[in-house]
């Protein structure tokens, strides 16, 4: 995962800019939850990329509006977006 992964928890869809959590315990738990989510996203990305390197493969259909575009290094966000789109259709 890229080193700027923390922008994912600040930007859409979470938009945590105006964070309305006042208790210290809640802040700590929310921070831990978000870090865990980022680690899971990084793990998904790493495993998919490792599998693709071993198979010398590329993925298509990860880019909206560009179904023929392929990549050999998909981001975790694009992978999860594709899965969520597939689940909505089913």
PDB file of N, CA and C in Angstrom:
ATOM      1  N   UNK A   1       0.848  -1.177   0.000  1.00  0.00           N
ATOM      2  CA  UNK A   1       0.000   0.000   0.000  1.00  0.00           C
ATOM      3  C   UNK A   1       0.884   1.228   0.000  1.00  0.00           C
ATOM      4  N   UNK A   2       0.393   2.250  -0.639  1.00  0.00           N
ATOM      5  CA  UNK A   2       1.180   3.467  -0.690  1.00  0.00           C
ATOM      6  C   UNK A   2       1.327   4.070   0.705  1.00  0.00           C
ATOM      7  N   UNK A   3       2.353   4.874   0.860  1.00  0.00           N
ATOM      8  CA  UNK A   3       2.633   5.460   2.167  1.00  0.00           C
ATOM      9  C   UNK A   3       1.618   6.508   2.563  1.00  0.00           C
ATOM     10  N   UNK A   4       0.808   6.991   1.633  1.00  0.00           N
ATOM     11  CA  UNK A   4      -0.197   7.988   1.967  1.00  0.00           C
ATOM     12  C   UNK A   4      -1.566   7.356   2.183  1.00  0.00           C
ATOM     13  N   UNK A   5      -1.624   6.178   2.729  1.00  0.00           N
ATOM     14  CA  UNK A   5      -2.883   5.469   2.964  1.00  0.00           C
ATOM     15  C   UNK A   5      -3.794   6.134   3.970  1.00  0.00           C
ATOM     16  N   UNK A   6      -3.240   6.990   4.812  1.00  0.00           N
ATOM     17  CA  UNK A   6      -4.069   7.633   5.818  1.00  0.00           C
ATOM     18  C   UNK A   6      -5.047   8.627   5.219  1.00  0.00           C
ATOM     19  N   UNK A   7      -4.814   9.082   3.983  1.00  0.00           N
ATOM     20  CA  UNK A   7      -5.787   9.981   3.363  1.00  0.00           C
ATOM     21  C   UNK A   7      -7.105   9.265   3.147  1.00  0.00           C
ATOM     22  N   UNK A   8      -7.075   7.926   3.088  1.00  0.00           N
ATOM     23  CA  UNK A   8      -8.304   7.166   2.899  1.00  0.00           C
ATOM     24  C   UNK A   8      -9.260   7.315   4.081  1.00  0.00           C
ATOM     25  N   UNK A   9      -8.734   7.490   5.279  1.00  0.00           N
ATOM     26  CA  UNK A   9      -9.612   7.621   6.441  1.00  0.00           C
ATOM     27  C   UNK A   9     -10.043   9.065   6.658  1.00  0.00           C
ATOM     28  N   UNK A  10      -9.405   9.990   5.968  1.00  0.00           N
ATOM     29  CA  UNK A  10      -9.789  11.397   6.098  1.00  0.00           C
ATOM     30  C   UNK A  10     -10.741  11.819   4.992  1.00  0.00           C
ATOM     31  N   UNK A  11     -10.610  11.230   3.817  1.00  0.00           N
ATOM     32  CA  UNK A  11     -11.416  11.620   2.668  1.00  0.00           C
ATOM     33  C   UNK A  11     -12.695  10.793   2.599  1.00  0.00           C
ATOM     34  N   UNK A  12     -13.446  11.013   1.538  1.00  0.00           N
ATOM     35  CA  UNK A  12     -14.675  10.255   1.328  1.00  0.00           C
ATOM     36  C   UNK A  12     -14.364   8.781   1.266  1.00  0.00           C
ATOM     37  N   UNK A  13     -15.186   7.882   1.721  1.00  0.00           N
ATOM     38  CA  UNK A  13     -16.526   8.075   2.237  1.00  0.00           C
ATOM     39  C   UNK A  13     -16.591   8.355   3.746  1.00  0.00           C
ATOM     40  N   UNK A  14     -15.479   8.324   4.435  1.00  0.00           N
ATOM     41  CA  UNK A  14     -15.521   8.503   5.888  1.00  0.00           C
ATOM     42  C   UNK A  14     -15.592   9.966   6.305  1.00  0.00           C
ATOM     43  N   UNK A  15     -14.878  10.815   5.634  1.00  0.00           N
ATOM     44  CA  UNK A  15     -14.793  12.236   5.954  1.00  0.00           C
ATOM     45  C   UNK A  15     -14.786  12.492   7.449  1.00  0.00           C
ATOM     46  N   UNK A  16     -13.654  12.217   8.046  1.00  0.00           N
ATOM     47  CA  UNK A  16     -13.523  12.370   9.489  1.00  0.00           C
ATOM     48  C   UNK A  16     -12.970  13.731   9.891  1.00  0.00           C
ATOM     49  N   UNK A  17     -13.044  14.694   9.011  1.00  0.00           N
ATOM     50  CA  UNK A  17     -12.530  16.020   9.358  1.00  0.00           C
ATOM     51  C   UNK A  17     -13.191  16.593  10.609  1.00  0.00           C
ATOM     52  N   UNK A  18     -14.520  16.751  10.645  1.00  0.00           N
ATOM     53  CA  UNK A  18     -15.144  17.218  11.886  1.00  0.00           C
ATOM     54  C   UNK A  18     -15.470  16.015  12.766  1.00  0.00           C
ATOM     55  N   UNK A  19     -14.507  15.577  13.512  1.00  0.00           N
ATOM     56  CA  UNK A  19     -14.659  14.379  14.330  1.00  0.00           C
ATOM     57  C   UNK A  19     -15.360  14.726  15.630  1.00  0.00           C
ATOM     58  N   UNK A  20     -16.567  14.203  15.805  1.00  0.00           N
ATOM     59  CA  UNK A  20     -17.368  14.509  16.981  1.00  0.00           C
ATOM     60  C   UNK A  20     -17.262  13.383  18.004  1.00  0.00           C
ATOM     61  N   UNK A  21     -16.069  13.136  18.472  1.00  0.00           N
ATOM     62  CA  UNK A  21     -15.819  12.151  19.526  1.00  0.00           C
ATOM     63  C   UNK A  21     -15.069  12.889  20.622  1.00  0.00           C
ATOM     64  N   UNK A  22     -15.664  12.922  21.804  1.00  0.00           N
ATOM     65  CA  UNK A  22     -15.064  13.721  22.868  1.00  0.00           C
ATOM     66  C   UNK A  22     -14.340  12.892  23.918  1.00  0.00           C
ATOM     67  N   UNK A  23     -14.797  11.666  24.147  1.00  0.00           N
ATOM     68  CA  UNK A  23     -14.172  10.851  25.188  1.00  0.00           C
ATOM     69  C   UNK A  23     -12.861  10.257  24.686  1.00  0.00           C
ATOM     70  N   UNK A  24     -11.863  10.326  25.531  1.00  0.00           N
ATOM     71  CA  UNK A  24     -10.538   9.815  25.172  1.00  0.00           C
ATOM     72  C   UNK A  24     -10.603   8.339  24.793  1.00  0.00           C
ATOM     73  N   UNK A  25     -11.383   7.568  25.499  1.00  0.00           N
ATOM     74  CA  UNK A  25     -11.515   6.133  25.233  1.00  0.00           C
ATOM     75  C   UNK A  25     -12.084   5.894  23.829  1.00  0.00           C
ATOM     76  N   UNK A  26     -13.044   6.699  23.411  1.00  0.00           N
ATOM     77  CA  UNK A  26     -13.632   6.547  22.083  1.00  0.00           C
ATOM     78  C   UNK A  26     -12.640   6.925  20.996  1.00  0.00           C
ATOM     79  N   UNK A  27     -11.863   7.959  21.248  1.00  0.00           N
ATOM     80  CA  UNK A  27     -10.856   8.386  20.282  1.00  0.00           C
ATOM     81  C   UNK A  27      -9.822   7.281  20.069  1.00  0.00           C
ATOM     82  N   UNK A  28      -9.376   6.690  21.163  1.00  0.00           N
ATOM     83  CA  UNK A  28      -8.382   5.610  21.078  1.00  0.00           C
ATOM     84  C   UNK A  28      -8.955   4.417  20.325  1.00  0.00           C
ATOM     85  N   UNK A  29     -10.180   4.036  20.630  1.00  0.00           N
ATOM     86  CA  UNK A  29     -10.792   2.877  19.964  1.00  0.00           C
ATOM     87  C   UNK A  29     -11.025   3.141  18.480  1.00  0.00           C
ATOM     88  N   UNK A  30     -11.485   4.337  18.144  1.00  0.00           N
ATOM     89  CA  UNK A  30     -11.700   4.665  16.741  1.00  0.00           C
ATOM     90  C   UNK A  30     -10.379   4.666  15.972  1.00  0.00           C
ATOM     91  N   UNK A  31      -9.344   5.202  16.582  1.00  0.00           N
ATOM     92  CA  UNK A  31      -8.029   5.212  15.943  1.00  0.00           C
ATOM     93  C   UNK A  31      -7.526   3.789  15.716  1.00  0.00           C
ATOM     94  N   UNK A  32      -7.691   2.938  16.694  1.00  0.00           N
ATOM     95  CA  UNK A  32      -7.256   1.537  16.547  1.00  0.00           C
ATOM     96  C   UNK A  32      -8.052   0.830  15.455  1.00  0.00           C
ATOM     97  N   UNK A  33      -9.347   1.100  15.403  1.00  0.00           N
ATOM     98  CA  UNK A  33     -10.185   0.481  14.383  1.00  0.00           C
ATOM     99  C   UNK A  33      -9.759   0.926  12.979  1.00  0.00           C
ATOM    100  N   UNK A  34      -9.485   2.198  12.825  1.00  0.00           N
ATOM    101  CA  UNK A  34      -9.070   2.708  11.517  1.00  0.00           C
ATOM    102  C   UNK A  34      -7.699   2.175  11.111  1.00  0.00           C
ATOM    103  N   UNK A  35      -6.797   2.051  12.061  1.00  0.00           N
ATOM    104  CA  UNK A  35      -5.478   1.486  11.755  1.00  0.00           C
ATOM    105  C   UNK A  35      -5.612   0.017  11.372  1.00  0.00           C
ATOM    106  N   UNK A  36      -6.482  -0.708  12.054  1.00  0.00           N
ATOM    107  CA  UNK A  36      -6.727  -2.101  11.697  1.00  0.00           C
ATOM    108  C   UNK A  36      -7.296  -2.206  10.285  1.00  0.00           C
ATOM    109  N   UNK A  37      -8.232  -1.317   9.945  1.00  0.00           N
ATOM    110  CA  UNK A  37      -8.807  -1.325   8.595  1.00  0.00           C
ATOM    111  C   UNK A  37      -7.736  -1.040   7.544  1.00  0.00           C
ATOM    112  N   UNK A  38      -6.844  -0.090   7.826  1.00  0.00           N
ATOM    113  CA  UNK A  38      -5.758   0.204   6.880  1.00  0.00           C
ATOM    114  C   UNK A  38      -4.815  -0.978   6.724  1.00  0.00           C
ATOM    115  N   UNK A  39      -4.547  -1.659   7.819  1.00  0.00           N
ATOM    116  CA  UNK A  39      -3.668  -2.842   7.732  1.00  0.00           C
ATOM    117  C   UNK A  39      -4.322  -3.950   6.914  1.00  0.00           C
ATOM    118  N   UNK A  40      -5.628  -4.134   7.092  1.00  0.00           N
ATOM    119  CA  UNK A  40      -6.326  -5.157   6.318  1.00  0.00           C
ATOM    120  C   UNK A  40      -6.328  -4.801   4.826  1.00  0.00           C
ATOM    121  N   UNK A  41      -6.528  -3.532   4.523  1.00  0.00           N
ATOM    122  CA  UNK A  41      -6.485  -3.085   3.130  1.00  0.00           C
ATOM    123  C   UNK A  41      -5.101  -3.319   2.536  1.00  0.00           C
ATOM    124  N   UNK A  42      -4.066  -3.013   3.300  1.00  0.00           N
ATOM    125  CA  UNK A  42      -2.694  -3.238   2.838  1.00  0.00           C
ATOM    126  C   UNK A  42      -2.425  -4.722   2.635  1.00  0.00           C
ATOM    127  N   UNK A  43      -2.968  -5.565   3.507  1.00  0.00           N
ATOM    128  CA  UNK A  43      -2.783  -7.010   3.372  1.00  0.00           C
ATOM    129  C   UNK A  43      -3.458  -7.537   2.110  1.00  0.00           C
ATOM    130  N   UNK A  44      -4.675  -7.083   1.849  1.00  0.00           N
ATOM    131  CA  UNK A  44      -5.369  -7.498   0.628  1.00  0.00           C
ATOM    132  C   UNK A  44      -4.555  -7.099  -0.598  1.00  0.00           C
ATOM    133  N   UNK A  45      -4.107  -5.854  -0.603  1.00  0.00           N
ATOM    134  CA  UNK A  45      -3.322  -5.356  -1.729  1.00  0.00           C
ATOM    135  C   UNK A  45      -2.046  -6.175  -1.920  1.00  0.00           C
ATOM    136  N   UNK A  46      -1.341  -6.429  -0.837  1.00  0.00           N
ATOM    137  CA  UNK A  46      -0.081  -7.167  -0.909  1.00  0.00           C
ATOM    138  C   UNK A  46      -0.297  -8.593  -1.415  1.00  0.00           C
ATOM    139  N   UNK A  47      -1.324  -9.269  -0.897  1.00  0.00           N
ATOM    140  CA  UNK A  47      -1.568 -10.659  -1.296  1.00  0.00           C
ATOM    141  C   UNK A  47      -1.972 -10.760  -2.767  1.00  0.00           C
ATOM    142  N   UNK A  48      -2.821  -9.851  -3.213  1.00  0.00           N
ATOM    143  CA  UNK A  48      -3.229  -9.874  -4.617  1.00  0.00           C
ATOM    144  C   UNK A  48      -2.024  -9.623  -5.516  1.00  0.00           C
ATOM    145  N   UNK A  49      -1.219  -8.633  -5.164  1.00  0.00           N
ATOM    146  CA  UNK A  49      -0.035  -8.333  -5.973  1.00  0.00           C
ATOM    147  C   UNK A  49       0.951  -9.484  -5.977  1.00  0.00           C
ATOM    148  N   UNK A  50       1.157 -10.144  -4.845  1.00  0.00           N
ATOM    149  CA  UNK A  50       2.072 -11.283  -4.795  1.00  0.00           C
ATOM    150  C   UNK A  50       1.566 -12.414  -5.678  1.00  0.00           C
ATOM    151  N   UNK A  51       0.276 -12.670  -5.629  1.00  0.00           N
ATOM    152  CA  UNK A  51      -0.299 -13.713  -6.472  1.00  0.00           C
ATOM    153  C   UNK A  51      -0.180 -13.404  -7.949  1.00  0.00           C
ATOM    154  N   UNK A  52      -0.301 -12.136  -8.272  1.00  0.00           N
ATOM    155  CA  UNK A  52      -0.202 -11.746  -9.675  1.00  0.00           C
ATOM    156  C   UNK A  52       1.230 -11.836 -10.183  1.00  0.00           C
ATOM    157  N   UNK A  53       2.199 -11.504  -9.346  1.00  0.00           N
ATOM    158  CA  UNK A  53       3.604 -11.598  -9.753  1.00  0.00           C
ATOM    159  C   UNK A  53       3.965 -13.052 -10.013  1.00  0.00           C
ATOM    160  N   UNK A  54       3.509 -13.950  -9.146  1.00  0.00           N
ATOM    161  CA  UNK A  54       3.795 -15.370  -9.320  1.00  0.00           C
ATOM    162  C   UNK A  54       3.184 -15.935 -10.590  1.00  0.00           C
ATOM    163  N   UNK A  55       2.018 -15.426 -10.968  1.00  0.00           N
ATOM    164  CA  UNK A  55       1.327 -15.913 -12.163  1.00  0.00           C
ATOM    165  C   UNK A  55       1.620 -15.052 -13.387  1.00  0.00           C
ATOM    166  N   UNK A  56       2.385 -13.975 -13.210  1.00  0.00           N
ATOM    167  CA  UNK A  56       2.692 -13.037 -14.285  1.00  0.00           C
ATOM    168  C   UNK A  56       1.394 -12.589 -14.978  1.00  0.00           C
ATOM    169  N   UNK A  57       0.440 -12.114 -14.162  1.00  0.00           N
ATOM    170  CA  UNK A  57      -0.892 -11.777 -14.646  1.00  0.00           C
ATOM    171  C   UNK A  57      -1.169 -10.280 -14.535  1.00  0.00           C
ATOM    172  N   UNK A  58      -2.228  -9.865 -15.221  1.00  0.00           N
ATOM    173  CA  UNK A  58      -2.730  -8.499 -15.094  1.00  0.00           C
ATOM    174  C   UNK A  58      -4.236  -8.576 -14.877  1.00  0.00           C
ATOM    175  N   UNK A  59      -4.789  -7.533 -14.278  1.00  0.00           N
ATOM    176  CA  UNK A  59      -6.228  -7.455 -14.045  1.00  0.00           C
ATOM    177  C   UNK A  59      -6.825  -6.352 -14.897  1.00  0.00           C
ATOM    178  N   UNK A  60      -8.002  -6.621 -15.431  1.00  0.00           N
ATOM    179  CA  UNK A  60      -8.743  -5.615 -16.193  1.00  0.00           C
ATOM    180  C   UNK A  60     -10.055  -5.338 -15.475  1.00  0.00           C
ATOM    181  N   UNK A  61     -10.634  -4.185 -15.751  1.00  0.00           N
ATOM    182  CA  UNK A  61     -11.936  -3.856 -15.192  1.00  0.00           C
ATOM    183  C   UNK A  61     -11.905  -3.181 -13.840  1.00  0.00           C
ATOM    184  N   UNK A  62     -10.750  -2.762 -13.371  1.00  0.00           N
ATOM    185  CA  UNK A  62     -10.651  -2.093 -12.083  1.00  0.00           C
ATOM    186  C   UNK A  62     -10.885  -0.594 -12.180  1.00  0.00           C
ATOM    187  N   UNK A  63     -10.814  -0.044 -13.390  1.00  0.00           N
ATOM    188  CA  UNK A  63     -10.948   1.388 -13.574  1.00  0.00           C
ATOM    189  C   UNK A  63     -12.319   1.694 -14.171  1.00  0.00           C
ATOM    190  N   UNK A  64     -13.107   2.508 -13.459  1.00  0.00           N
ATOM    191  CA  UNK A  64     -14.434   2.873 -13.940  1.00  0.00           C
ATOM    192  C   UNK A  64     -14.316   3.638 -15.252  1.00  0.00           C
ATOM    193  N   UNK A  65     -15.129   3.262 -16.206  1.00  0.00           N
ATOM    194  CA  UNK A  65     -15.106   3.932 -17.505  1.00  0.00           C
ATOM    195  C   UNK A  65     -14.020   3.438 -18.431  1.00  0.00           C
ATOM    196  N   UNK A  66     -13.134   2.588 -17.944  1.00  0.00           N
ATOM    197  CA  UNK A  66     -12.061   2.037 -18.769  1.00  0.00           C
ATOM    198  C   UNK A  66     -11.980   0.525 -18.542  1.00  0.00           C
ATOM    199  N   UNK A  67     -12.966  -0.223 -19.000  1.00  0.00           N
ATOM    200  CA  UNK A  67     -13.007  -1.661 -18.710  1.00  0.00           C
ATOM    201  C   UNK A  67     -11.867  -2.470 -19.317  1.00  0.00           C
ATOM    202  N   UNK A  68     -11.235  -1.953 -20.367  1.00  0.00           N
ATOM    203  CA  UNK A  68     -10.146  -2.692 -21.010  1.00  0.00           C
ATOM    204  C   UNK A  68      -8.781  -2.389 -20.413  1.00  0.00           C
ATOM    205  N   UNK A  69      -8.698  -1.357 -19.580  1.00  0.00           N
ATOM    206  CA  UNK A  69      -7.407  -0.972 -18.984  1.00  0.00           C
ATOM    207  C   UNK A  69      -6.955  -2.043 -17.994  1.00  0.00           C
ATOM    208  N   UNK A  70      -5.701  -2.440 -18.097  1.00  0.00           N
ATOM    209  CA  UNK A  70      -5.169  -3.489 -17.226  1.00  0.00           C
ATOM    210  C   UNK A  70      -4.080  -2.922 -16.322  1.00  0.00           C
ATOM    211  N   UNK A  71      -3.821  -3.649 -15.247  1.00  0.00           N
ATOM    212  CA  UNK A  71      -2.749  -3.280 -14.335  1.00  0.00           C
ATOM    213  C   UNK A  71      -2.161  -4.535 -13.717  1.00  0.00           C
ATOM    214  N   UNK A  72      -0.893  -4.470 -13.433  1.00  0.00           N
ATOM    215  CA  UNK A  72      -0.232  -5.582 -12.751  1.00  0.00           C
ATOM    216  C   UNK A  72      -0.014  -5.259 -11.273  1.00  0.00           C
ATOM    217  N   UNK A  73      -0.350  -4.009 -10.869  1.00  0.00           N
ATOM    218  CA  UNK A  73      -0.198  -3.582  -9.474  1.00  0.00           C
ATOM    219  C   UNK A  73      -1.464  -2.855  -9.011  1.00  0.00           C
ATOM    220  N   UNK A  74      -2.557  -3.611  -8.804  1.00  0.00           N
ATOM    221  CA  UNK A  74      -3.799  -2.966  -8.394  1.00  0.00           C
ATOM    222  C   UNK A  74      -3.718  -2.463  -6.956  1.00  0.00           C
ATOM    223  N   UNK A  75      -4.370  -1.346  -6.707  1.00  0.00           N
ATOM    224  CA  UNK A  75      -4.401  -0.817  -5.341  1.00  0.00           C
ATOM    225  C   UNK A  75      -5.492  -1.536  -4.555  1.00  0.00           C
ATOM    226  N   UNK A  76      -5.331  -1.551  -3.248  1.00  0.00           N
ATOM    227  CA  UNK A  76      -6.326  -2.180  -2.385  1.00  0.00           C
ATOM    228  C   UNK A  76      -7.680  -1.517  -2.517  1.00  0.00           C
ATOM    229  N   UNK A  77      -7.694  -0.215  -2.658  1.00  0.00           N
ATOM    230  CA  UNK A  77      -8.949   0.524  -2.802  1.00  0.00           C
ATOM    231  C   UNK A  77      -9.674   0.114  -4.077  1.00  0.00           C
ATOM    232  N   UNK A  78      -8.962  -0.005  -5.183  1.00  0.00           N
ATOM    233  CA  UNK A  78      -9.596  -0.413  -6.445  1.00  0.00           C
ATOM    234  C   UNK A  78     -10.104  -1.848  -6.369  1.00  0.00           C
ATOM    235  N   UNK A  79      -9.371  -2.710  -5.699  1.00  0.00           N
ATOM    236  CA  UNK A  79      -9.804  -4.099  -5.542  1.00  0.00           C
ATOM    237  C   UNK A  79     -11.107  -4.157  -4.761  1.00  0.00           C
ATOM    238  N   UNK A  80     -11.175  -3.443  -3.631  1.00  0.00           N
ATOM    239  CA  UNK A  80     -12.382  -3.465  -2.820  1.00  0.00           C
ATOM    240  C   UNK A  80     -13.545  -2.773  -3.523  1.00  0.00           C
ATOM    241  N   UNK A  81     -13.276  -1.698  -4.258  1.00  0.00           N
ATOM    242  CA  UNK A  81     -14.344  -1.042  -5.021  1.00  0.00           C
ATOM    243  C   UNK A  81     -14.939  -1.988  -6.056  1.00  0.00           C
ATOM    244  N   UNK A  82     -14.094  -2.763  -6.717  1.00  0.00           N
ATOM    245  CA  UNK A  82     -14.572  -3.715  -7.719  1.00  0.00           C
ATOM    246  C   UNK A  82     -15.430  -4.794  -7.075  1.00  0.00           C
ATOM    247  N   UNK A  83     -14.985  -5.316  -5.925  1.00  0.00           N
ATOM    248  CA  UNK A  83     -15.784  -6.324  -5.230  1.00  0.00           C
ATOM    249  C   UNK A  83     -17.116  -5.761  -4.768  1.00  0.00           C
ATOM    250  N   UNK A  84     -17.109  -4.542  -4.250  1.00  0.00           N
ATOM    251  CA  UNK A  84     -18.360  -3.954  -3.786  1.00  0.00           C
ATOM    252  C   UNK A  84     -19.313  -3.723  -4.965  1.00  0.00           C
ATOM    253  N   UNK A  85     -18.788  -3.332  -6.115  1.00  0.00           N
ATOM    254  CA  UNK A  85     -19.613  -3.154  -7.308  1.00  0.00           C
ATOM    255  C   UNK A  85     -20.203  -4.485  -7.745  1.00  0.00           C
ATOM    256  N   UNK A  86     -19.406  -5.537  -7.710  1.00  0.00           N
ATOM    257  CA  UNK A  86     -19.895  -6.859  -8.088  1.00  0.00           C
ATOM    258  C   UNK A  86     -20.974  -7.342  -7.132  1.00  0.00           C
ATOM    259  N   UNK A  87     -20.833  -7.061  -5.856  1.00  0.00           N
ATOM    260  CA  UNK A  87     -21.825  -7.499  -4.883  1.00  0.00           C
ATOM    261  C   UNK A  87     -23.135  -6.730  -5.026  1.00  0.00           C
ATOM    262  N   UNK A  88     -23.074  -5.472  -5.430  1.00  0.00           N
ATOM    263  CA  UNK A  88     -24.283  -4.674  -5.630  1.00  0.00           C
ATOM    264  C   UNK A  88     -25.087  -5.181  -6.817  1.00  0.00           C
ATOM    265  N   UNK A  89     -24.384  -5.653  -7.844  1.00  0.00           N
ATOM    266  CA  UNK A  89     -25.044  -6.133  -9.051  1.00  0.00           C
ATOM    267  C   UNK A  89     -25.750  -7.462  -8.779  1.00  0.00           C
ATOM    268  N   UNK A  90     -25.145  -8.309  -7.982  1.00  0.00           N
ATOM    269  CA  UNK A  90     -25.702  -9.643  -7.734  1.00  0.00           C
ATOM    270  C   UNK A  90     -26.988  -9.613  -6.970  1.00  0.00           C
TER     271      UNK A  90
END
